[in-house]
Amino acid sequence: MSNTNPKSLYERLGGYDAICAVANDLLSRLAADKLLARFWKNRGDDGVAREKQLLIDFLCASAGGPMYYTGRAMNLSHKGMQISETDWRAFLGHLHATLNSFQVPQQECAEVLAFIESTKSDIIEL
C-alpha cells in the first residue's frame, strides 16, 4: 500500500518549533566559531534577530512548510562578505553537529543538506 499523502520535510522535521530550535542551536555554534564569528561582529541585537527569523523562514519554506521567505536572494544578501570555501566547510560542520544533536534521521539530514548545498554557488565568493 503506497502512501498517497507523504509528509513534507517540514512535517518530518517537526514543524516550526523544531526548526526554530535547530536555527537557534546552529546560529549559536556559528557565532561561537573563531573562524566564522567575524560575520556577527559589531552587529546589533535587532539585526541578528531579523537574520535569525529570515533563516527560520528560509528553512521552513525550503522544507515545504507554510512560511514564505521574504529575504533577499542568497547571492545579494551574501555579496561582499568574502565567504570562502573554508568558511562554507566550517558552516557545514556546524550544521551536521546541530542536526546530529537533534537526532535528525539520515533521510531528513540528506534532504536538508541538499537544499543548503543548492545555495553554495550563490554564497561562496573566494
C-alpha atoms as a PDB file:
ATOM      1  CA  MET A   1       0.000   0.000   0.000  1.00  0.00           C
ATOM      2  CA  SER A   2       1.579   3.265  -1.101  1.00  0.00           C
ATOM      3  CA  ASN A   3       1.355   6.487   0.821  1.00  0.00           C
ATOM      4  CA  THR A   4      -0.637   8.911  -1.354  1.00  0.00           C
ATOM      5  CA  ASN A   5      -0.063  11.807   1.024  1.00  0.00           C
ATOM      6  CA  PRO A   6       3.593  11.736   2.076  1.00  0.00           C
ATOM      7  CA  LYS A   7       4.591  14.152   4.795  1.00  0.00           C
ATOM      8  CA  SER A   8       6.656  17.151   3.771  1.00  0.00           C
ATOM      9  CA  LEU A   9      10.198  17.541   5.036  1.00  0.00           C
ATOM     10  CA  TYR A  10       8.856  20.407   7.180  1.00  0.00           C
ATOM     11  CA  GLU A  11       6.454  17.987   8.909  1.00  0.00           C
ATOM     12  CA  ARG A  12       9.074  15.238   9.232  1.00  0.00           C
ATOM     13  CA  LEU A  13      11.475  17.708  10.872  1.00  0.00           C
ATOM     14  CA  GLY A  14       8.841  18.540  13.485  1.00  0.00           C
ATOM     15  CA  GLY A  15       7.423  21.793  12.134  1.00  0.00           C
ATOM     16  CA  TYR A  16       8.082  25.388  13.091  1.00  0.00           C
ATOM     17  CA  ASP A  17       9.134  24.945  16.717  1.00  0.00           C
ATOM     18  CA  ALA A  18      11.638  22.209  15.879  1.00  0.00           C
ATOM     19  CA  ILE A  19      13.132  24.237  13.028  1.00  0.00           C
ATOM     20  CA  CYS A  20      13.389  27.283  15.342  1.00  0.00           C
ATOM     21  CA  ALA A  21      15.290  25.181  17.865  1.00  0.00           C
ATOM     22  CA  VAL A  22      17.654  23.966  15.138  1.00  0.00           C
ATOM     23  CA  ALA A  23      18.210  27.540  13.881  1.00  0.00           C
ATOM     24  CA  ASN A  24      18.938  28.799  17.409  1.00  0.00           C
ATOM     25  CA  ASP A  25      21.422  25.998  18.024  1.00  0.00           C
ATOM     26  CA  LEU A  26      23.100  26.458  14.650  1.00  0.00           C
ATOM     27  CA  LEU A  27      23.452  30.226  14.972  1.00  0.00           C
ATOM     28  CA  SER A  28      24.928  29.859  18.473  1.00  0.00           C
ATOM     29  CA  ARG A  29      27.518  27.431  17.107  1.00  0.00           C
ATOM     30  CA  LEU A  30      28.359  29.703  14.160  1.00  0.00           C
ATOM     31  CA  ALA A  31      28.727  32.842  16.270  1.00  0.00           C
ATOM     32  CA  ALA A  32      30.985  30.987  18.744  1.00  0.00           C
ATOM     33  CA  ASP A  33      33.285  29.675  15.996  1.00  0.00           C
ATOM     34  CA  LYS A  34      36.541  31.667  15.883  1.00  0.00           C
ATOM     35  CA  LEU A  35      36.655  31.479  12.079  1.00  0.00           C
ATOM     36  CA  LEU A  36      33.018  32.461  11.494  1.00  0.00           C
ATOM     37  CA  ALA A  37      32.426  34.908  14.369  1.00  0.00           C
ATOM     38  CA  ARG A  38      33.546  37.793  12.144  1.00  0.00           C
ATOM     39  CA  PHE A  39      30.200  37.657  10.348  1.00  0.00           C
ATOM     40  CA  TRP A  40      28.393  38.656  13.568  1.00  0.00           C
ATOM     41  CA  LYS A  41      30.966  41.076  14.938  1.00  0.00           C
ATOM     42  CA  ASN A  42      29.591  44.581  15.543  1.00  0.00           C
ATOM     43  CA  ARG A  43      26.040  43.505  14.715  1.00  0.00           C
ATOM     44  CA  GLY A  44      23.172  44.860  16.756  1.00  0.00           C
ATOM     45  CA  ASP A  45      20.753  42.540  18.540  1.00  0.00           C
ATOM     46  CA  ASP A  46      17.903  43.674  16.278  1.00  0.00           C
ATOM     47  CA  GLY A  47      19.865  42.827  13.123  1.00  0.00           C
ATOM     48  CA  VAL A  48      20.816  39.425  14.478  1.00  0.00           C
ATOM     49  CA  ALA A  49      17.181  38.738  15.475  1.00  0.00           C
ATOM     50  CA  ARG A  50      16.000  39.689  11.973  1.00  0.00           C
ATOM     51  CA  GLU A  51      18.647  37.472  10.403  1.00  0.00           C
ATOM     52  CA  LYS A  52      17.580  34.580  12.647  1.00  0.00           C
ATOM     53  CA  GLN A  53      13.940  34.994  11.613  1.00  0.00           C
ATOM     54  CA  LEU A  54      14.927  35.085   7.939  1.00  0.00           C
ATOM     55  CA  LEU A  55      16.910  31.871   8.439  1.00  0.00           C
ATOM     56  CA  ILE A  56      13.920  30.212  10.102  1.00  0.00           C
ATOM     57  CA  ASP A  57      11.604  31.345   7.299  1.00  0.00           C
ATOM     58  CA  PHE A  58      14.083  30.153   4.660  1.00  0.00           C
ATOM     59  CA  LEU A  59      14.466  26.735   6.310  1.00  0.00           C
ATOM     60  CA  CYS A  60      10.717  26.327   6.796  1.00  0.00           C
ATOM     61  CA  ALA A  61       9.870  27.393   3.227  1.00  0.00           C
ATOM     62  CA  SER A  62      12.645  25.242   1.725  1.00  0.00           C
ATOM     63  CA  ALA A  63      11.370  22.240   3.684  1.00  0.00           C
ATOM     64  CA  GLY A  64       7.839  22.651   2.323  1.00  0.00           C
ATOM     65  CA  GLY A  65       6.349  24.492   5.286  1.00  0.00           C
ATOM     66  CA  PRO A  66       3.759  27.264   5.231  1.00  0.00           C
ATOM     67  CA  MET A  67       6.295  30.093   5.689  1.00  0.00           C
ATOM     68  CA  TYR A  68       7.237  32.489   2.938  1.00  0.00           C
ATOM     69  CA  TYR A  69      10.857  33.585   2.735  1.00  0.00           C
ATOM     70  CA  THR A  70      10.859  37.378   2.312  1.00  0.00           C
ATOM     71  CA  GLY A  71      14.606  37.879   2.412  1.00  0.00           C
ATOM     72  CA  ARG A  72      16.826  38.861  -0.452  1.00  0.00           C
ATOM     73  CA  ALA A  73      18.303  36.343  -2.861  1.00  0.00           C
ATOM     74  CA  MET A  74      21.252  34.424  -1.414  1.00  0.00           C
ATOM     75  CA  ASN A  75      23.770  35.982  -3.811  1.00  0.00           C
ATOM     76  CA  LEU A  76      22.636  39.508  -2.940  1.00  0.00           C
ATOM     77  CA  SER A  77      22.459  39.008   0.822  1.00  0.00           C
ATOM     78  CA  HIS A  78      25.939  37.431   0.980  1.00  0.00           C
ATOM     79  CA  LYS A  79      27.687  39.658  -1.588  1.00  0.00           C
ATOM     80  CA  GLY A  80      30.800  41.318  -0.226  1.00  0.00           C
ATOM     81  CA  MET A  81      31.021  39.087   2.859  1.00  0.00           C
ATOM     82  CA  GLN A  82      34.061  37.291   1.426  1.00  0.00           C
ATOM     83  CA  ILE A  83      32.788  33.858   2.361  1.00  0.00           C
ATOM     84  CA  SER A  84      35.366  31.234   1.396  1.00  0.00           C
ATOM     85  CA  GLU A  85      35.252  27.507   0.787  1.00  0.00           C
ATOM     86  CA  THR A  86      36.874  27.106   4.226  1.00  0.00           C
ATOM     87  CA  ASP A  87      34.057  29.155   5.789  1.00  0.00           C
ATOM     88  CA  TRP A  88      31.493  27.026   3.952  1.00  0.00           C
ATOM     89  CA  ARG A  89      33.057  23.778   5.207  1.00  0.00           C
ATOM     90  CA  ALA A  90      33.093  25.136   8.775  1.00  0.00           C
ATOM     91  CA  PHE A  91      29.411  26.085   8.405  1.00  0.00           C
ATOM     92  CA  LEU A  92      28.556  22.592   7.141  1.00  0.00           C
ATOM     93  CA  GLY A  93      30.403  21.058  10.097  1.00  0.00           C
ATOM     94  CA  HIS A  94      28.244  23.055  12.480  1.00  0.00           C
ATOM     95  CA  LEU A  95      25.110  22.180  10.526  1.00  0.00           C
ATOM     96  CA  HIS A  96      25.965  18.462  10.765  1.00  0.00           C
ATOM     97  CA  ALA A  97      26.654  18.824  14.511  1.00  0.00           C
ATOM     98  CA  THR A  98      23.342  20.624  15.030  1.00  0.00           C
ATOM     99  CA  LEU A  99      21.337  18.053  13.069  1.00  0.00           C
ATOM    100  CA  ASN A 100      23.097  15.244  14.956  1.00  0.00           C
ATOM    101  CA  SER A 101      22.397  16.889  18.325  1.00  0.00           C
ATOM    102  CA  PHE A 102      18.686  16.926  17.467  1.00  0.00           C
ATOM    103  CA  GLN A 103      18.895  13.315  16.269  1.00  0.00           C
ATOM    104  CA  VAL A 104      17.519  14.208  12.837  1.00  0.00           C
ATOM    105  CA  PRO A 105      17.193  10.957  10.845  1.00  0.00           C
ATOM    106  CA  GLN A 106      19.605  10.324   7.952  1.00  0.00           C
ATOM    107  CA  GLN A 107      16.982  10.792   5.198  1.00  0.00           C
ATOM    108  CA  GLU A 108      15.884  14.180   6.548  1.00  0.00           C
ATOM    109  CA  CYS A 109      19.533  15.248   7.058  1.00  0.00           C
ATOM    110  CA  ALA A 110      20.238  14.407   3.417  1.00  0.00           C
ATOM    111  CA  GLU A 111      17.250  16.459   2.263  1.00  0.00           C
ATOM    112  CA  VAL A 112      18.239  19.453   4.407  1.00  0.00           C
ATOM    113  CA  LEU A 113      21.814  19.258   3.154  1.00  0.00           C
ATOM    114  CA  ALA A 114      20.593  19.072  -0.458  1.00  0.00           C
ATOM    115  CA  PHE A 115      18.736  22.376  -0.288  1.00  0.00           C
ATOM    116  CA  ILE A 116      21.518  24.022   1.712  1.00  0.00           C
ATOM    117  CA  GLU A 117      24.129  22.833  -0.807  1.00  0.00           C
ATOM    118  CA  SER A 118      21.990  24.296  -3.613  1.00  0.00           C
ATOM    119  CA  THR A 119      22.775  27.772  -2.216  1.00  0.00           C
ATOM    120  CA  LYS A 120      26.555  27.321  -2.127  1.00  0.00           C
ATOM    121  CA  SER A 121      27.355  28.894  -5.511  1.00  0.00           C
ATOM    122  CA  ASP A 122      25.380  31.999  -4.514  1.00  0.00           C
ATOM    123  CA  ILE A 123      27.205  32.367  -1.175  1.00  0.00           C
ATOM    124  CA  ILE A 124      30.884  31.484  -1.776  1.00  0.00           C
ATOM    125  CA  GLU A 125      32.948  34.394  -3.092  1.00  0.00           C
ATOM    126  CA  LEU A 126      36.540  33.289  -2.593  1.00  0.00           C
END
